[in-house]
Amino acid sequence: MKEHPDFVFAYMAGIIDGEGCFSIFKLGKDYKTRQRDYLAAKLTIVNTDKPMLDWIVEHFGGKYRAKKGTSKSPKTCFYWHAHGERLDYILDKCMPFFTAKLERAKLLREFRKTFDSKRWVSKPTTEEIHNLRFELKVKLHTLNKHRY
């Protein structure tokens, strides 16, 4: 990842605070045992302002996709996602600047620390790590549900 001055991370934290969503979600069953849910984390930013998404891609990489509007909401929405190493980098660099999403960011960083940093999903884990991940998923879901 490219290094940037602090104001870039402060601006990105502001975008995430206003337009971002941290989530932990189920990908399926553990690929070897098929017994436990396989969980992953991501950051999603959605906005109708294409230049904002262009700025994010320029500074943090990745791609975004467009979804055409509907008759009720005719504007095109642009979706950008981060996971794995990109997500870890953004969390670490933006952490001092989060306000509205600080608690969520801390939970997601704790969740991500249970993974091999080079992967966005992990190999089979112990029951203890699996339970910790599930507990963090529930806490994050509760915060996201209340939207405060």
C-alpha atoms as a PDB file:
ATOM      1  CA  MET A   1       0.000   0.000   0.000  1.00  0.00           C
ATOM      2  CA  LYS A   2       1.094   3.541  -0.712  1.00  0.00           C
ATOM      3  CA  GLU A   3       2.035   5.814   2.144  1.00  0.00           C
ATOM      4  CA  HIS A   4       0.047   9.036   2.422  1.00  0.00           C
ATOM      5  CA  PRO A   5       0.101  12.108   4.633  1.00  0.00           C
ATOM      6  CA  ASP A   6      -2.188  12.001   7.663  1.00  0.00           C
ATOM      7  CA  PHE A   7      -4.795  14.258   6.047  1.00  0.00           C
ATOM      8  CA  VAL A   8      -5.535  11.517   3.470  1.00  0.00           C
ATOM      9  CA  PHE A   9      -6.334   9.060   6.270  1.00  0.00           C
ATOM     10  CA  ALA A  10      -8.348  11.687   8.120  1.00  0.00           C
ATOM     11  CA  TYR A  11     -10.395  12.361   4.972  1.00  0.00           C
ATOM     12  CA  MET A  12     -10.882   8.620   4.364  1.00  0.00           C
ATOM     13  CA  ALA A  13     -11.997   8.179   7.997  1.00  0.00           C
ATOM     14  CA  GLY A  14     -14.541  10.956   7.445  1.00  0.00           C
ATOM     15  CA  ILE A  15     -15.838   9.238   4.309  1.00  0.00           C
ATOM     16  CA  ILE A  16     -16.134   5.956   6.204  1.00  0.00           C
ATOM     17  CA  ASP A  17     -17.834   7.650   9.170  1.00  0.00           C
ATOM     18  CA  GLY A  18     -20.462   9.100   6.828  1.00  0.00           C
ATOM     19  CA  GLU A  19     -20.751   6.663   3.923  1.00  0.00           C
ATOM     20  CA  GLY A  20     -19.078   3.440   5.067  1.00  0.00           C
ATOM     21  CA  CYS A  21     -20.297   0.191   6.529  1.00  0.00           C
ATOM     22  CA  PHE A  22     -18.166  -2.334   8.396  1.00  0.00           C
ATOM     23  CA  SER A  23     -19.535  -5.862   8.234  1.00  0.00           C
ATOM     24  CA  ILE A  24     -18.718  -9.412   9.282  1.00  0.00           C
ATOM     25  CA  PHE A  25     -20.581 -11.937   7.203  1.00  0.00           C
ATOM     26  CA  LYS A  26     -20.943 -15.646   6.586  1.00  0.00           C
ATOM     27  CA  LEU A  27     -19.250 -16.978   3.454  1.00  0.00           C
ATOM     28  CA  GLY A  28     -20.358 -20.563   3.925  1.00  0.00           C
ATOM     29  CA  LYS A  29     -19.133 -23.573   5.842  1.00  0.00           C
ATOM     30  CA  ASP A  30     -15.528 -24.308   6.807  1.00  0.00           C
ATOM     31  CA  TYR A  31     -13.997 -25.776   3.644  1.00  0.00           C
ATOM     32  CA  LYS A  32     -12.505 -28.854   5.362  1.00  0.00           C
ATOM     33  CA  THR A  33     -14.908 -29.786   8.144  1.00  0.00           C
ATOM     34  CA  ARG A  34     -18.108 -28.273   6.666  1.00  0.00           C
ATOM     35  CA  GLN A  35     -19.308 -27.912  10.244  1.00  0.00           C
ATOM     36  CA  ARG A  36     -18.694 -24.293  11.230  1.00  0.00           C
ATOM     37  CA  ASP A  37     -19.635 -21.059   9.527  1.00  0.00           C
ATOM     38  CA  TYR A  38     -16.820 -19.383   7.629  1.00  0.00           C
ATOM     39  CA  LEU A  39     -16.788 -15.661   8.515  1.00  0.00           C
ATOM     40  CA  ALA A  40     -15.130 -12.748   6.701  1.00  0.00           C
ATOM     41  CA  ALA A  41     -14.952  -8.968   7.162  1.00  0.00           C
ATOM     42  CA  LYS A  42     -15.288  -6.083   4.754  1.00  0.00           C
ATOM     43  CA  LEU A  43     -15.682  -2.351   4.464  1.00  0.00           C
ATOM     44  CA  THR A  44     -18.207  -1.061   1.944  1.00  0.00           C
ATOM     45  CA  ILE A  45     -18.523   2.547   0.829  1.00  0.00           C
ATOM     46  CA  VAL A  46     -21.561   3.534  -1.223  1.00  0.00           C
ATOM     47  CA  ASN A  47     -22.067   6.959  -2.748  1.00  0.00           C
ATOM     48  CA  THR A  48     -23.581   8.640  -5.789  1.00  0.00           C
ATOM     49  CA  ASP A  49     -20.528  10.898  -6.216  1.00  0.00           C
ATOM     50  CA  LYS A  50     -18.245   9.151  -8.715  1.00  0.00           C
ATOM     51  CA  PRO A  51     -15.283  11.528  -8.146  1.00  0.00           C
ATOM     52  CA  MET A  52     -15.264  10.486  -4.469  1.00  0.00           C
ATOM     53  CA  LEU A  53     -14.963   6.822  -5.454  1.00  0.00           C
ATOM     54  CA  ASP A  54     -12.262   7.716  -7.996  1.00  0.00           C
ATOM     55  CA  TRP A  55     -10.332   9.397  -5.157  1.00  0.00           C
ATOM     56  CA  ILE A  56     -10.682   6.287  -2.962  1.00  0.00           C
ATOM     57  CA  VAL A  57      -9.418   4.008  -5.748  1.00  0.00           C
ATOM     58  CA  GLU A  58      -6.518   6.379  -6.484  1.00  0.00           C
ATOM     59  CA  HIS A  59      -5.389   6.372  -2.833  1.00  0.00           C
ATOM     60  CA  PHE A  60      -6.412   2.915  -1.594  1.00  0.00           C
ATOM     61  CA  GLY A  61      -6.718   0.786  -4.723  1.00  0.00           C
ATOM     62  CA  GLY A  62      -9.393  -1.669  -5.699  1.00  0.00           C
ATOM     63  CA  LYS A  63     -12.309  -1.044  -8.017  1.00  0.00           C
ATOM     64  CA  TYR A  64     -15.871   0.084  -7.662  1.00  0.00           C
ATOM     65  CA  ARG A  65     -19.027  -0.974  -9.415  1.00  0.00           C
ATOM     66  CA  ALA A  66     -22.033   1.043 -10.449  1.00  0.00           C
ATOM     67  CA  LYS A  67     -25.637   0.147  -9.825  1.00  0.00           C
ATOM     68  CA  LYS A  68     -28.227   2.059 -11.803  1.00  0.00           C
ATOM     69  CA  GLY A  69     -30.908   3.891  -9.919  1.00  0.00           C
ATOM     70  CA  THR A  70     -34.596   3.064  -9.776  1.00  0.00           C
ATOM     71  CA  SER A  71     -37.667   5.147 -10.469  1.00  0.00           C
ATOM     72  CA  LYS A  72     -37.807   6.046  -6.748  1.00  0.00           C
ATOM     73  CA  SER A  73     -34.096   6.889  -6.573  1.00  0.00           C
ATOM     74  CA  PRO A  74     -32.805   7.594 -10.094  1.00  0.00           C
ATOM     75  CA  LYS A  75     -29.166   8.326  -9.234  1.00  0.00           C
ATOM     76  CA  THR A  76     -26.506   5.717  -9.954  1.00  0.00           C
ATOM     77  CA  CYS A  77     -24.816   4.386  -6.805  1.00  0.00           C
ATOM     78  CA  PHE A  78     -21.144   3.412  -6.742  1.00  0.00           C
ATOM     79  CA  TYR A  79     -19.981   0.574  -4.447  1.00  0.00           C
ATOM     80  CA  TRP A  80     -16.376   0.078  -3.278  1.00  0.00           C
ATOM     81  CA  HIS A  81     -15.218  -2.744  -0.990  1.00  0.00           C
ATOM     82  CA  ALA A  82     -12.075  -3.452   1.019  1.00  0.00           C
ATOM     83  CA  HIS A  83     -11.125  -6.707   2.692  1.00  0.00           C
ATOM     84  CA  GLY A  84      -7.984  -8.598   3.683  1.00  0.00           C
ATOM     85  CA  GLU A  85      -4.729  -6.620   3.724  1.00  0.00           C
ATOM     86  CA  ARG A  86      -6.344  -3.491   2.243  1.00  0.00           C
ATOM     87  CA  LEU A  87      -8.922  -3.470   5.046  1.00  0.00           C
ATOM     88  CA  ASP A  88      -6.220  -4.002   7.689  1.00  0.00           C
ATOM     89  CA  TYR A  89      -4.196  -1.092   6.270  1.00  0.00           C
ATOM     90  CA  ILE A  90      -7.204   1.244   6.223  1.00  0.00           C
ATOM     91  CA  LEU A  91      -8.234   0.295   9.765  1.00  0.00           C
ATOM     92  CA  ASP A  92      -4.733   0.844  11.144  1.00  0.00           C
ATOM     93  CA  LYS A  93      -4.097   4.151   9.381  1.00  0.00           C
ATOM     94  CA  CYS A  94      -7.571   5.660   9.863  1.00  0.00           C
ATOM     95  CA  MET A  95      -8.139   4.501  13.455  1.00  0.00           C
ATOM     96  CA  PRO A  96      -6.941   7.781  15.071  1.00  0.00           C
ATOM     97  CA  PHE A  97      -9.394   9.746  12.920  1.00  0.00           C
ATOM     98  CA  PHE A  98     -12.645   7.771  13.264  1.00  0.00           C
ATOM     99  CA  THR A  99     -15.438   9.348  15.270  1.00  0.00           C
ATOM    100  CA  ALA A 100     -18.886   7.902  14.441  1.00  0.00           C
ATOM    101  CA  LYS A 101     -17.535   4.464  13.472  1.00  0.00           C
ATOM    102  CA  LEU A 102     -14.718   4.176  16.031  1.00  0.00           C
ATOM    103  CA  GLU A 103     -16.329   1.382  18.064  1.00  0.00           C
ATOM    104  CA  ARG A 104     -17.158  -0.577  14.894  1.00  0.00           C
ATOM    105  CA  ALA A 105     -13.628  -0.110  13.549  1.00  0.00           C
ATOM    106  CA  LYS A 106     -12.144  -1.457  16.797  1.00  0.00           C
ATOM    107  CA  LEU A 107     -14.378  -4.542  16.642  1.00  0.00           C
ATOM    108  CA  LEU A 108     -13.468  -5.182  13.013  1.00  0.00           C
ATOM    109  CA  ARG A 109      -9.755  -4.789  13.724  1.00  0.00           C
ATOM    110  CA  GLU A 110     -10.036  -7.250  16.617  1.00  0.00           C
ATOM    111  CA  PHE A 111     -11.848  -9.675  14.279  1.00  0.00           C
ATOM    112  CA  ARG A 112      -9.211  -9.264  11.546  1.00  0.00           C
ATOM    113  CA  LYS A 113      -6.380  -9.967  14.002  1.00  0.00           C
ATOM    114  CA  THR A 114      -7.651 -13.549  14.284  1.00  0.00           C
ATOM    115  CA  PHE A 115      -6.717 -14.116  10.606  1.00  0.00           C
ATOM    116  CA  ASP A 116      -3.515 -14.676   8.677  1.00  0.00           C
ATOM    117  CA  SER A 117      -2.906 -11.110   7.466  1.00  0.00           C
ATOM    118  CA  LYS A 118      -2.372 -12.138   3.844  1.00  0.00           C
ATOM    119  CA  ARG A 119      -5.826 -13.671   3.518  1.00  0.00           C
ATOM    120  CA  TRP A 120      -9.314 -12.259   3.939  1.00  0.00           C
ATOM    121  CA  VAL A 121     -10.690 -15.628   5.007  1.00  0.00           C
ATOM    122  CA  SER A 122      -8.809 -18.146   7.083  1.00  0.00           C
ATOM    123  CA  LYS A 123      -7.906 -21.759   7.272  1.00  0.00           C
ATOM    124  CA  PRO A 124      -9.750 -23.940   9.809  1.00  0.00           C
ATOM    125  CA  THR A 125      -9.480 -22.525  13.321  1.00  0.00           C
ATOM    126  CA  THR A 126      -9.845 -23.579  16.903  1.00  0.00           C
ATOM    127  CA  GLU A 127     -13.244 -23.515  18.559  1.00  0.00           C
ATOM    128  CA  GLU A 128     -12.035 -20.650  20.775  1.00  0.00           C
ATOM    129  CA  ILE A 129     -11.155 -18.425  17.783  1.00  0.00           C
ATOM    130  CA  HIS A 130     -14.353 -19.383  16.009  1.00  0.00           C
ATOM    131  CA  ASN A 131     -16.402 -18.399  19.078  1.00  0.00           C
ATOM    132  CA  LEU A 132     -14.529 -15.089  19.427  1.00  0.00           C
ATOM    133  CA  ARG A 133     -15.202 -14.272  15.763  1.00  0.00           C
ATOM    134  CA  PHE A 134     -18.892 -15.056  16.150  1.00  0.00           C
ATOM    135  CA  GLU A 135     -19.105 -12.915  19.306  1.00  0.00           C
ATOM    136  CA  LEU A 136     -17.493  -9.988  17.455  1.00  0.00           C
ATOM    137  CA  LYS A 137     -19.893 -10.501  14.540  1.00  0.00           C
ATOM    138  CA  VAL A 138     -22.877 -10.259  16.913  1.00  0.00           C
ATOM    139  CA  LYS A 139     -21.486  -7.110  18.587  1.00  0.00           C
ATOM    140  CA  LEU A 140     -20.878  -5.417  15.234  1.00  0.00           C
ATOM    141  CA  HIS A 141     -24.311  -6.399  13.951  1.00  0.00           C
ATOM    142  CA  THR A 142     -25.895  -4.926  17.092  1.00  0.00           C
ATOM    143  CA  LEU A 143     -24.049  -1.623  16.630  1.00  0.00           C
ATOM    144  CA  ASN A 144     -24.965  -1.477  12.937  1.00  0.00           C
ATOM    145  CA  LYS A 145     -28.609  -2.262  13.742  1.00  0.00           C
ATOM    146  CA  HIS A 146     -28.898   0.653  16.157  1.00  0.00           C
ATOM    147  CA  ARG A 147     -27.242   3.129  13.730  1.00  0.00           C
ATOM    148  CA  TYR A 148     -25.985   5.572  16.348  1.00  0.00           C
END
